[in-house]
Amino acid sequence: MMDRLPKVIRPLKLAETGARLQGWLPLSEMSRLAMHLVVSDAHVESHLQFGVDADHTRFVRGRIKASLPLICQRCLGQMEFPVDIDVSLGIIGAGEEAERLADIYEPLLLTEETGNLADIVEDELLLVLPIVAMHPQGDCTPGAQDEVIVQAPQARQPEETRRPFADLAKLMKSKP
């Protein structure tokens, strides 16, 4: 059984010591992500390795796994969106440091010594959410995906056109 990960971490200290964090975080602690979920009683598994590379860049590398309960926009039923992503973050203290990061890193901006681990994981999950969540074609709940067939109007018999001023033209011609 995996342990629950700490809520607050010190990323710079963890990087200096080469710490490894493995465990789970509840989705209920991720308020921005919870807005997109049907329920937030599930959890996210994280395997994160902190360290310092040869260029003296402090980093967080690892893997995040979850099954996010989303609403299918085709059938409005619940669908599980599996997430299994690799994370490679370079820890920086100012925005301009992001330009100096190696291409293998995405910036992780820290403005304080401590950080909320759930926020870091939540950011990565938000980046992989689909724009429109949908089951694969044919996997929606029965009846919900049936297309509405719009019937083309049947050809109608041409109706006699009524011209209200046609008699007026006749009257004008008959006047002397």
N, C-alpha and C. Protein backbone atom coordinates (compact mmCIF):
# COMPACT_ATOMS: atom_id res chain seq x y z
N MET A 1 0.85 -1.18 0.00
CA MET A 1 0.00 0.00 0.00
C MET A 1 0.89 1.24 0.00
N MET A 2 0.58 2.16 -0.86
CA MET A 2 1.35 3.39 -0.94
C MET A 2 0.90 4.35 0.15
N ASP A 3 1.82 5.19 0.55
CA ASP A 3 1.53 6.20 1.57
C ASP A 3 1.00 7.46 0.94
N ARG A 4 0.31 8.22 1.75
CA ARG A 4 -0.16 9.53 1.30
C ARG A 4 1.03 10.47 1.27
N LEU A 5 1.14 11.23 0.20
CA LEU A 5 2.25 12.17 0.07
C LEU A 5 2.02 13.40 0.93
N PRO A 6 3.07 14.07 1.35
CA PRO A 6 2.90 15.27 2.18
C PRO A 6 2.26 16.40 1.38
N LYS A 7 1.53 17.23 2.07
CA LYS A 7 0.86 18.36 1.42
C LYS A 7 1.87 19.46 1.09
N VAL A 8 2.73 19.77 2.02
CA VAL A 8 3.72 20.83 1.84
C VAL A 8 5.11 20.20 1.73
N ILE A 9 5.87 20.66 0.72
CA ILE A 9 7.23 20.15 0.53
C ILE A 9 8.19 21.32 0.39
N ARG A 10 9.45 21.03 0.51
CA ARG A 10 10.53 22.00 0.27
C ARG A 10 11.32 21.49 -0.93
N PRO A 11 10.91 21.87 -2.13
CA PRO A 11 11.51 21.32 -3.35
C PRO A 11 13.02 21.50 -3.46
N LEU A 12 13.54 22.66 -3.06
CA LEU A 12 14.99 22.89 -3.16
C LEU A 12 15.76 21.95 -2.23
N LYS A 13 15.26 21.76 -1.04
CA LYS A 13 15.91 20.86 -0.09
C LYS A 13 15.81 19.41 -0.58
N LEU A 14 14.64 19.05 -1.11
CA LEU A 14 14.46 17.69 -1.64
C LEU A 14 15.41 17.44 -2.81
N ALA A 15 15.60 18.45 -3.66
CA ALA A 15 16.51 18.31 -4.80
C ALA A 15 17.96 18.14 -4.32
N GLU A 16 18.35 18.92 -3.33
CA GLU A 16 19.73 18.84 -2.81
C GLU A 16 20.02 17.48 -2.19
N THR A 17 19.02 16.86 -1.57
CA THR A 17 19.22 15.56 -0.93
C THR A 17 18.91 14.39 -1.86
N GLY A 18 18.40 14.67 -3.07
CA GLY A 18 18.07 13.59 -4.00
C GLY A 18 16.92 12.73 -3.52
N ALA A 19 15.94 13.35 -2.90
CA ALA A 19 14.81 12.61 -2.32
C ALA A 19 13.90 12.01 -3.38
N ARG A 20 13.23 10.95 -2.99
CA ARG A 20 12.25 10.28 -3.84
C ARG A 20 10.93 10.23 -3.07
N LEU A 21 9.87 10.71 -3.71
CA LEU A 21 8.55 10.66 -3.10
C LEU A 21 7.66 9.74 -3.91
N GLN A 22 7.09 8.74 -3.26
CA GLN A 22 6.15 7.83 -3.91
C GLN A 22 4.93 7.72 -3.03
N GLY A 23 3.77 7.88 -3.65
CA GLY A 23 2.55 7.77 -2.88
C GLY A 23 1.37 8.33 -3.64
N TRP A 24 0.36 8.71 -2.90
CA TRP A 24 -0.88 9.19 -3.52
C TRP A 24 -1.31 10.51 -2.91
N LEU A 25 -2.09 11.23 -3.71
CA LEU A 25 -2.71 12.49 -3.27
C LEU A 25 -4.19 12.43 -3.63
N PRO A 26 -5.08 12.92 -2.76
CA PRO A 26 -6.51 12.93 -3.08
C PRO A 26 -6.84 14.01 -4.11
N LEU A 27 -7.72 13.68 -5.03
CA LEU A 27 -8.19 14.67 -6.02
C LEU A 27 -8.96 15.79 -5.34
N SER A 28 -9.51 15.53 -4.18
CA SER A 28 -10.30 16.54 -3.47
C SER A 28 -9.45 17.75 -3.06
N GLU A 29 -8.12 17.60 -3.00
CA GLU A 29 -7.25 18.71 -2.66
C GLU A 29 -6.88 19.57 -3.88
N MET A 30 -7.40 19.19 -5.03
CA MET A 30 -7.07 19.88 -6.28
C MET A 30 -8.31 20.59 -6.79
N SER A 31 -8.57 21.78 -6.26
CA SER A 31 -9.84 22.48 -6.53
C SER A 31 -10.00 22.88 -7.99
N ARG A 32 -8.94 23.27 -8.66
CA ARG A 32 -9.06 23.66 -10.08
C ARG A 32 -9.40 22.47 -10.94
N LEU A 33 -8.84 21.33 -10.63
CA LEU A 33 -9.12 20.11 -11.38
C LEU A 33 -10.51 19.57 -11.04
N ALA A 34 -10.92 19.71 -9.78
CA ALA A 34 -12.21 19.18 -9.33
C ALA A 34 -13.38 19.77 -10.11
N MET A 35 -13.22 20.98 -10.64
CA MET A 35 -14.30 21.60 -11.44
C MET A 35 -14.61 20.79 -12.69
N HIS A 36 -13.65 20.01 -13.17
CA HIS A 36 -13.83 19.24 -14.40
C HIS A 36 -14.24 17.80 -14.15
N LEU A 37 -14.31 17.41 -12.88
CA LEU A 37 -14.55 16.01 -12.54
C LEU A 37 -15.99 15.77 -12.09
N VAL A 38 -16.47 14.55 -12.33
CA VAL A 38 -17.80 14.17 -11.86
C VAL A 38 -17.77 14.03 -10.35
N VAL A 39 -16.78 13.32 -9.85
CA VAL A 39 -16.57 13.16 -8.41
C VAL A 39 -15.08 13.38 -8.14
N SER A 40 -14.76 13.78 -6.94
CA SER A 40 -13.34 14.00 -6.63
C SER A 40 -12.90 13.15 -5.44
N ASP A 41 -13.46 11.94 -5.35
CA ASP A 41 -13.09 11.07 -4.23
C ASP A 41 -12.00 10.07 -4.62
N ALA A 42 -11.46 10.19 -5.81
CA ALA A 42 -10.38 9.31 -6.25
C ALA A 42 -9.03 9.89 -5.82
N HIS A 43 -7.97 9.27 -6.27
CA HIS A 43 -6.64 9.76 -5.92
C HIS A 43 -5.70 9.65 -7.11
N VAL A 44 -4.56 10.29 -6.97
CA VAL A 44 -3.52 10.33 -7.99
C VAL A 44 -2.27 9.68 -7.41
N GLU A 45 -1.66 8.79 -8.17
CA GLU A 45 -0.40 8.18 -7.74
C GLU A 45 0.75 8.97 -8.35
N SER A 46 1.74 9.27 -7.53
CA SER A 46 2.90 10.02 -8.01
C SER A 46 4.19 9.33 -7.58
N HIS A 47 5.12 9.25 -8.50
CA HIS A 47 6.46 8.75 -8.25
C HIS A 47 7.39 9.86 -8.70
N LEU A 48 7.95 10.60 -7.77
CA LEU A 48 8.75 11.78 -8.10
C LEU A 48 10.16 11.66 -7.54
N GLN A 49 11.12 11.94 -8.38
CA GLN A 49 12.53 11.95 -7.99
C GLN A 49 13.04 13.38 -8.08
N PHE A 50 13.59 13.89 -6.99
CA PHE A 50 14.17 15.22 -6.95
C PHE A 50 15.68 15.07 -7.07
N GLY A 51 16.32 16.08 -7.67
CA GLY A 51 17.77 15.99 -7.79
C GLY A 51 18.37 17.23 -8.42
N VAL A 52 19.69 17.16 -8.65
CA VAL A 52 20.45 18.23 -9.29
C VAL A 52 21.23 17.58 -10.43
N ASP A 53 21.10 18.12 -11.65
CA ASP A 53 21.80 17.52 -12.79
C ASP A 53 23.21 18.10 -12.95
N ALA A 54 23.90 17.70 -14.01
CA ALA A 54 25.28 18.13 -14.25
C ALA A 54 25.40 19.63 -14.48
N ASP A 55 24.31 20.27 -14.95
CA ASP A 55 24.32 21.73 -15.18
C ASP A 55 23.89 22.50 -13.92
N HIS A 56 23.79 21.83 -12.81
CA HIS A 56 23.39 22.40 -11.52
C HIS A 56 21.93 22.87 -11.53
N THR A 57 21.13 22.25 -12.38
CA THR A 57 19.69 22.54 -12.42
C THR A 57 19.00 21.60 -11.44
N ARG A 58 18.24 22.19 -10.54
CA ARG A 58 17.44 21.38 -9.62
C ARG A 58 16.21 20.92 -10.38
N PHE A 59 15.85 19.67 -10.22
CA PHE A 59 14.76 19.12 -11.04
C PHE A 59 13.84 18.23 -10.23
N VAL A 60 12.68 17.97 -10.85
CA VAL A 60 11.71 16.97 -10.39
C VAL A 60 11.38 16.14 -11.61
N ARG A 61 11.63 14.86 -11.53
CA ARG A 61 11.29 13.94 -12.63
C ARG A 61 10.46 12.82 -12.04
N GLY A 62 9.59 12.31 -12.87
CA GLY A 62 8.80 11.19 -12.39
C GLY A 62 7.61 10.87 -13.25
N ARG A 63 6.65 10.25 -12.61
CA ARG A 63 5.47 9.76 -13.31
C ARG A 63 4.24 10.04 -12.45
N ILE A 64 3.16 10.42 -13.12
CA ILE A 64 1.88 10.66 -12.45
C ILE A 64 0.84 9.78 -13.12
N LYS A 65 0.10 9.04 -12.31
CA LYS A 65 -0.94 8.14 -12.82
C LYS A 65 -2.25 8.43 -12.11
N ALA A 66 -3.33 8.43 -12.89
CA ALA A 66 -4.66 8.63 -12.32
C ALA A 66 -5.71 8.15 -13.31
N SER A 67 -6.90 7.99 -12.82
CA SER A 67 -8.06 7.74 -13.67
C SER A 67 -9.06 8.83 -13.30
N LEU A 68 -9.20 9.80 -14.19
CA LEU A 68 -10.03 10.96 -13.89
C LEU A 68 -11.46 10.74 -14.35
N PRO A 69 -12.44 10.87 -13.45
CA PRO A 69 -13.85 10.69 -13.83
C PRO A 69 -14.41 11.98 -14.46
N LEU A 70 -14.50 11.98 -15.79
CA LEU A 70 -14.99 13.14 -16.54
C LEU A 70 -16.39 12.90 -17.06
N ILE A 71 -17.02 13.94 -17.57
CA ILE A 71 -18.34 13.83 -18.19
C ILE A 71 -18.17 13.79 -19.69
N CYS A 72 -18.66 12.73 -20.30
CA CYS A 72 -18.61 12.61 -21.76
C CYS A 72 -19.55 13.65 -22.35
N GLN A 73 -19.04 14.46 -23.26
CA GLN A 73 -19.85 15.52 -23.85
C GLN A 73 -20.75 15.00 -24.98
N ARG A 74 -20.61 13.73 -25.33
CA ARG A 74 -21.47 13.13 -26.34
C ARG A 74 -22.73 12.54 -25.70
N CYS A 75 -22.56 11.79 -24.60
CA CYS A 75 -23.71 11.11 -23.99
C CYS A 75 -24.03 11.64 -22.60
N LEU A 76 -23.19 12.53 -22.06
CA LEU A 76 -23.34 13.12 -20.72
C LEU A 76 -23.24 12.08 -19.61
N GLY A 77 -22.66 10.93 -19.94
CA GLY A 77 -22.41 9.91 -18.93
C GLY A 77 -21.00 10.05 -18.38
N GLN A 78 -20.72 9.34 -17.31
CA GLN A 78 -19.39 9.39 -16.72
C GLN A 78 -18.43 8.54 -17.54
N MET A 79 -17.24 9.03 -17.71
CA MET A 79 -16.20 8.28 -18.40
C MET A 79 -14.90 8.38 -17.60
N GLU A 80 -14.11 7.36 -17.66
CA GLU A 80 -12.82 7.38 -16.99
C GLU A 80 -11.76 7.77 -18.01
N PHE A 81 -11.01 8.79 -17.67
CA PHE A 81 -9.93 9.27 -18.53
C PHE A 81 -8.61 8.86 -17.88
N PRO A 82 -7.95 7.83 -18.43
CA PRO A 82 -6.70 7.37 -17.82
C PRO A 82 -5.56 8.35 -18.11
N VAL A 83 -4.78 8.62 -17.09
CA VAL A 83 -3.63 9.51 -17.22
C VAL A 83 -2.39 8.75 -16.74
N ASP A 84 -1.38 8.75 -17.55
CA ASP A 84 -0.09 8.15 -17.20
C ASP A 84 0.97 9.00 -17.89
N ILE A 85 1.48 9.99 -17.18
CA ILE A 85 2.38 10.96 -17.81
C ILE A 85 3.74 11.00 -17.11
N ASP A 86 4.74 11.31 -17.91
CA ASP A 86 6.08 11.55 -17.38
C ASP A 86 6.22 13.03 -17.10
N VAL A 87 6.91 13.35 -16.01
CA VAL A 87 7.10 14.73 -15.58
C VAL A 87 8.59 15.02 -15.56
N SER A 88 8.97 16.18 -16.09
CA SER A 88 10.35 16.62 -16.03
C SER A 88 10.35 18.13 -15.84
N LEU A 89 10.50 18.56 -14.60
CA LEU A 89 10.40 19.97 -14.26
C LEU A 89 11.74 20.49 -13.74
N GLY A 90 12.12 21.66 -14.22
CA GLY A 90 13.31 22.33 -13.71
C GLY A 90 12.87 23.38 -12.71
N ILE A 91 13.40 23.34 -11.51
CA ILE A 91 12.99 24.26 -10.45
C ILE A 91 13.72 25.59 -10.65
N ILE A 92 12.93 26.65 -10.77
CA ILE A 92 13.51 27.99 -10.97
C ILE A 92 12.91 28.95 -9.95
N GLY A 93 13.63 30.06 -9.72
CA GLY A 93 13.16 31.05 -8.74
C GLY A 93 12.65 32.32 -9.38
N ALA A 94 12.91 32.51 -10.67
CA ALA A 94 12.43 33.70 -11.37
C ALA A 94 12.10 33.33 -12.81
N GLY A 95 11.19 34.09 -13.41
CA GLY A 95 10.72 33.80 -14.76
C GLY A 95 11.82 33.80 -15.81
N GLU A 96 12.80 34.68 -15.66
CA GLU A 96 13.86 34.77 -16.66
C GLU A 96 14.78 33.54 -16.64
N GLU A 97 14.80 32.80 -15.54
CA GLU A 97 15.59 31.57 -15.47
C GLU A 97 15.02 30.48 -16.38
N ALA A 98 13.76 30.59 -16.74
CA ALA A 98 13.12 29.58 -17.58
C ALA A 98 13.79 29.50 -18.95
N GLU A 99 14.30 30.62 -19.44
CA GLU A 99 14.96 30.64 -20.74
C GLU A 99 16.27 29.86 -20.73
N ARG A 100 16.88 29.72 -19.57
CA ARG A 100 18.16 29.02 -19.47
C ARG A 100 18.00 27.53 -19.18
N LEU A 101 16.76 27.08 -18.98
CA LEU A 101 16.54 25.66 -18.72
C LEU A 101 16.82 24.83 -19.97
N ALA A 102 17.33 23.63 -19.75
CA ALA A 102 17.51 22.70 -20.86
C ALA A 102 16.14 22.33 -21.43
N ASP A 103 16.13 21.92 -22.69
CA ASP A 103 14.87 21.61 -23.37
C ASP A 103 14.11 20.44 -22.75
N ILE A 104 14.78 19.63 -21.96
CA ILE A 104 14.10 18.48 -21.36
C ILE A 104 13.21 18.88 -20.19
N TYR A 105 13.34 20.12 -19.71
CA TYR A 105 12.60 20.57 -18.54
C TYR A 105 11.51 21.56 -18.90
N GLU A 106 10.42 21.46 -18.17
CA GLU A 106 9.41 22.51 -18.12
C GLU A 106 9.68 23.28 -16.83
N PRO A 107 9.45 24.58 -16.83
CA PRO A 107 9.77 25.34 -15.60
C PRO A 107 8.77 25.10 -14.47
N LEU A 108 9.32 25.00 -13.28
CA LEU A 108 8.53 24.95 -12.05
C LEU A 108 8.96 26.16 -11.23
N LEU A 109 8.17 27.21 -11.27
CA LEU A 109 8.51 28.47 -10.62
C LEU A 109 8.17 28.41 -9.14
N LEU A 110 9.17 28.63 -8.31
CA LEU A 110 8.98 28.67 -6.86
C LEU A 110 9.24 30.09 -6.39
N THR A 111 8.27 30.66 -5.70
CA THR A 111 8.45 32.00 -5.14
C THR A 111 8.71 31.95 -3.64
N GLU A 112 8.52 30.78 -3.06
CA GLU A 112 8.76 30.59 -1.62
C GLU A 112 9.58 29.32 -1.43
N GLU A 113 10.07 29.14 -0.23
CA GLU A 113 10.89 27.98 0.07
C GLU A 113 10.07 26.70 0.07
N THR A 114 8.81 26.82 0.47
CA THR A 114 7.93 25.65 0.50
C THR A 114 6.93 25.73 -0.65
N GLY A 115 6.39 24.58 -0.99
CA GLY A 115 5.39 24.53 -2.05
C GLY A 115 4.37 23.46 -1.76
N ASN A 116 3.21 23.59 -2.36
CA ASN A 116 2.14 22.63 -2.20
C ASN A 116 2.29 21.55 -3.27
N LEU A 117 2.56 20.33 -2.86
CA LEU A 117 2.77 19.24 -3.81
C LEU A 117 1.52 18.98 -4.65
N ALA A 118 0.35 19.10 -4.04
CA ALA A 118 -0.90 18.89 -4.79
C ALA A 118 -1.03 19.91 -5.93
N ASP A 119 -0.57 21.14 -5.72
CA ASP A 119 -0.63 22.15 -6.78
C ASP A 119 0.27 21.78 -7.95
N ILE A 120 1.43 21.24 -7.65
CA ILE A 120 2.37 20.85 -8.72
C ILE A 120 1.77 19.71 -9.54
N VAL A 121 1.24 18.70 -8.87
CA VAL A 121 0.63 17.57 -9.55
C VAL A 121 -0.62 18.02 -10.31
N GLU A 122 -1.41 18.88 -9.70
CA GLU A 122 -2.63 19.39 -10.33
C GLU A 122 -2.32 20.12 -11.63
N ASP A 123 -1.27 20.94 -11.64
CA ASP A 123 -0.88 21.64 -12.86
C ASP A 123 -0.60 20.67 -14.00
N GLU A 124 0.09 19.59 -13.69
CA GLU A 124 0.42 18.61 -14.73
C GLU A 124 -0.84 17.90 -15.23
N LEU A 125 -1.78 17.62 -14.34
CA LEU A 125 -3.02 16.96 -14.75
C LEU A 125 -3.89 17.89 -15.59
N LEU A 126 -3.94 19.15 -15.24
CA LEU A 126 -4.72 20.11 -16.01
C LEU A 126 -4.20 20.23 -17.45
N LEU A 127 -2.91 20.08 -17.62
CA LEU A 127 -2.32 20.20 -18.95
C LEU A 127 -2.71 19.05 -19.88
N VAL A 128 -3.08 17.90 -19.32
CA VAL A 128 -3.40 16.75 -20.17
C VAL A 128 -4.91 16.52 -20.33
N LEU A 129 -5.72 17.34 -19.68
CA LEU A 129 -7.17 17.16 -19.84
C LEU A 129 -7.56 17.39 -21.30
N PRO A 130 -8.48 16.58 -21.81
CA PRO A 130 -8.93 16.80 -23.19
C PRO A 130 -9.76 18.08 -23.28
N ILE A 131 -9.73 18.72 -24.44
CA ILE A 131 -10.54 19.93 -24.64
C ILE A 131 -12.01 19.56 -24.53
N VAL A 132 -12.39 18.46 -25.17
CA VAL A 132 -13.76 17.95 -25.10
C VAL A 132 -13.66 16.47 -24.74
N ALA A 133 -14.14 16.12 -23.58
CA ALA A 133 -14.08 14.73 -23.13
C ALA A 133 -15.20 13.93 -23.79
N MET A 134 -14.82 12.83 -24.46
CA MET A 134 -15.81 11.97 -25.10
C MET A 134 -15.34 10.53 -25.06
N HIS A 135 -16.30 9.63 -24.87
CA HIS A 135 -16.00 8.21 -25.02
C HIS A 135 -15.57 7.98 -26.47
N PRO A 136 -14.84 6.90 -26.73
CA PRO A 136 -14.60 6.54 -28.12
C PRO A 136 -15.94 6.27 -28.81
N GLN A 137 -16.00 6.53 -30.11
CA GLN A 137 -17.23 6.32 -30.87
C GLN A 137 -17.74 4.91 -30.63
N GLY A 138 -18.98 4.78 -30.24
CA GLY A 138 -19.59 3.48 -30.00
C GLY A 138 -19.56 3.03 -28.55
N ASP A 139 -18.81 3.73 -27.68
CA ASP A 139 -18.72 3.34 -26.28
C ASP A 139 -19.67 4.11 -25.37
N CYS A 140 -20.44 5.03 -25.91
CA CYS A 140 -21.35 5.82 -25.09
C CYS A 140 -22.49 4.95 -24.59
N THR A 141 -23.18 5.43 -23.57
CA THR A 141 -24.29 4.68 -23.01
C THR A 141 -25.38 4.50 -24.06
N PRO A 142 -26.07 3.36 -24.05
CA PRO A 142 -27.07 3.09 -25.08
C PRO A 142 -28.15 4.17 -25.15
N GLY A 143 -28.49 4.54 -26.37
CA GLY A 143 -29.56 5.51 -26.59
C GLY A 143 -29.08 6.94 -26.56
N ALA A 144 -28.01 7.21 -25.87
CA ALA A 144 -27.56 8.60 -25.74
C ALA A 144 -26.85 9.08 -26.99
N GLN A 145 -26.28 8.14 -27.75
CA GLN A 145 -25.53 8.56 -28.91
C GLN A 145 -26.31 8.46 -30.20
N ASP A 146 -27.56 7.98 -30.12
CA ASP A 146 -28.35 7.88 -31.34
C ASP A 146 -28.47 9.24 -31.98
N GLU A 147 -28.19 9.26 -33.26
CA GLU A 147 -28.26 10.52 -33.97
C GLU A 147 -29.71 10.85 -34.28
N VAL A 148 -30.01 12.09 -34.22
CA VAL A 148 -31.34 12.54 -34.59
C VAL A 148 -31.35 12.66 -36.10
N ILE A 149 -32.24 11.93 -36.70
CA ILE A 149 -32.31 11.96 -38.16
C ILE A 149 -33.32 13.03 -38.55
N VAL A 150 -32.83 13.98 -39.27
CA VAL A 150 -33.69 15.06 -39.73
C VAL A 150 -34.16 14.68 -41.12
N GLN A 151 -35.46 14.56 -41.26
CA GLN A 151 -36.01 14.18 -42.55
C GLN A 151 -36.15 15.42 -43.42
N ALA A 152 -35.77 15.24 -44.66
CA ALA A 152 -35.91 16.33 -45.60
C ALA A 152 -37.40 16.51 -45.88
N PRO A 153 -37.84 17.74 -46.03
CA PRO A 153 -39.25 17.94 -46.31
C PRO A 153 -39.61 17.30 -47.64
N GLN A 154 -40.78 16.67 -47.65
CA GLN A 154 -41.22 16.02 -48.88
C GLN A 154 -41.59 17.10 -49.90
N ALA A 155 -41.40 16.73 -51.15
CA ALA A 155 -41.72 17.68 -52.21
C ALA A 155 -43.21 17.98 -52.16
N ARG A 156 -43.53 19.24 -52.07
CA ARG A 156 -44.93 19.63 -51.99
C ARG A 156 -45.43 19.99 -53.39
N GLN A 157 -46.68 19.81 -53.53
CA GLN A 157 -47.31 20.24 -54.77
C GLN A 157 -47.29 21.76 -54.79
N PRO A 158 -46.91 22.31 -55.91
CA PRO A 158 -46.88 23.78 -55.94
C PRO A 158 -48.26 24.34 -55.69
N GLU A 159 -48.29 25.22 -54.74
CA GLU A 159 -49.57 25.86 -54.44
C GLU A 159 -49.79 26.99 -55.44
N GLU A 160 -51.04 27.26 -55.63
CA GLU A 160 -51.37 28.36 -56.54
C GLU A 160 -50.95 29.66 -55.87
N THR A 161 -50.19 30.42 -56.58
CA THR A 161 -49.71 31.67 -56.01
C THR A 161 -50.81 32.70 -56.07
N ARG A 162 -50.97 33.33 -55.01
CA ARG A 162 -52.00 34.34 -54.92
C ARG A 162 -51.34 35.69 -55.11
N ARG A 163 -51.89 36.47 -56.02
CA ARG A 163 -51.34 37.79 -56.29
C ARG A 163 -52.43 38.81 -55.98
N PRO A 164 -52.30 39.49 -54.88
CA PRO A 164 -53.37 40.37 -54.43
C PRO A 164 -53.63 41.57 -55.34
N PHE A 165 -52.67 42.02 -56.09
CA PHE A 165 -52.86 43.20 -56.92
C PHE A 165 -53.07 42.87 -58.40
N ALA A 166 -53.24 41.58 -58.72
CA ALA A 166 -53.44 41.19 -60.11
C ALA A 166 -54.73 41.80 -60.67
N ASP A 167 -55.79 41.84 -59.89
CA ASP A 167 -57.06 42.43 -60.35
C ASP A 167 -56.92 43.92 -60.55
N LEU A 168 -56.09 44.56 -59.83
CA LEU A 168 -55.88 45.99 -59.97
C LEU A 168 -55.30 46.32 -61.35
N ALA A 169 -54.42 45.48 -61.83
CA ALA A 169 -53.85 45.70 -63.17
C ALA A 169 -54.93 45.62 -64.23
N LYS A 170 -55.87 44.70 -64.06
CA LYS A 170 -56.97 44.58 -65.03
C LYS A 170 -57.84 45.84 -65.01
N LEU A 171 -58.11 46.35 -63.81
CA LEU A 171 -58.93 47.53 -63.69
C LEU A 171 -58.25 48.75 -64.34
N MET A 172 -56.95 48.84 -64.20
CA MET A 172 -56.23 49.98 -64.76
C MET A 172 -56.28 49.95 -66.28
N LYS A 173 -56.27 48.79 -66.87
CA LYS A 173 -56.31 48.68 -68.34
C LYS A 173 -57.70 49.00 -68.87
N SER A 174 -58.72 48.70 -68.14
CA SER A 174 -60.08 48.93 -68.62
C SER A 174 -60.52 50.38 -68.46
N LYS A 175 -59.85 51.18 -67.73
CA LYS A 175 -60.21 52.60 -67.55
C LYS A 175 -59.86 53.34 -68.82
N PRO A 176 -60.76 54.26 -69.29
CA PRO A 176 -60.46 55.04 -70.51
C PRO A 176 -59.45 56.11 -70.31
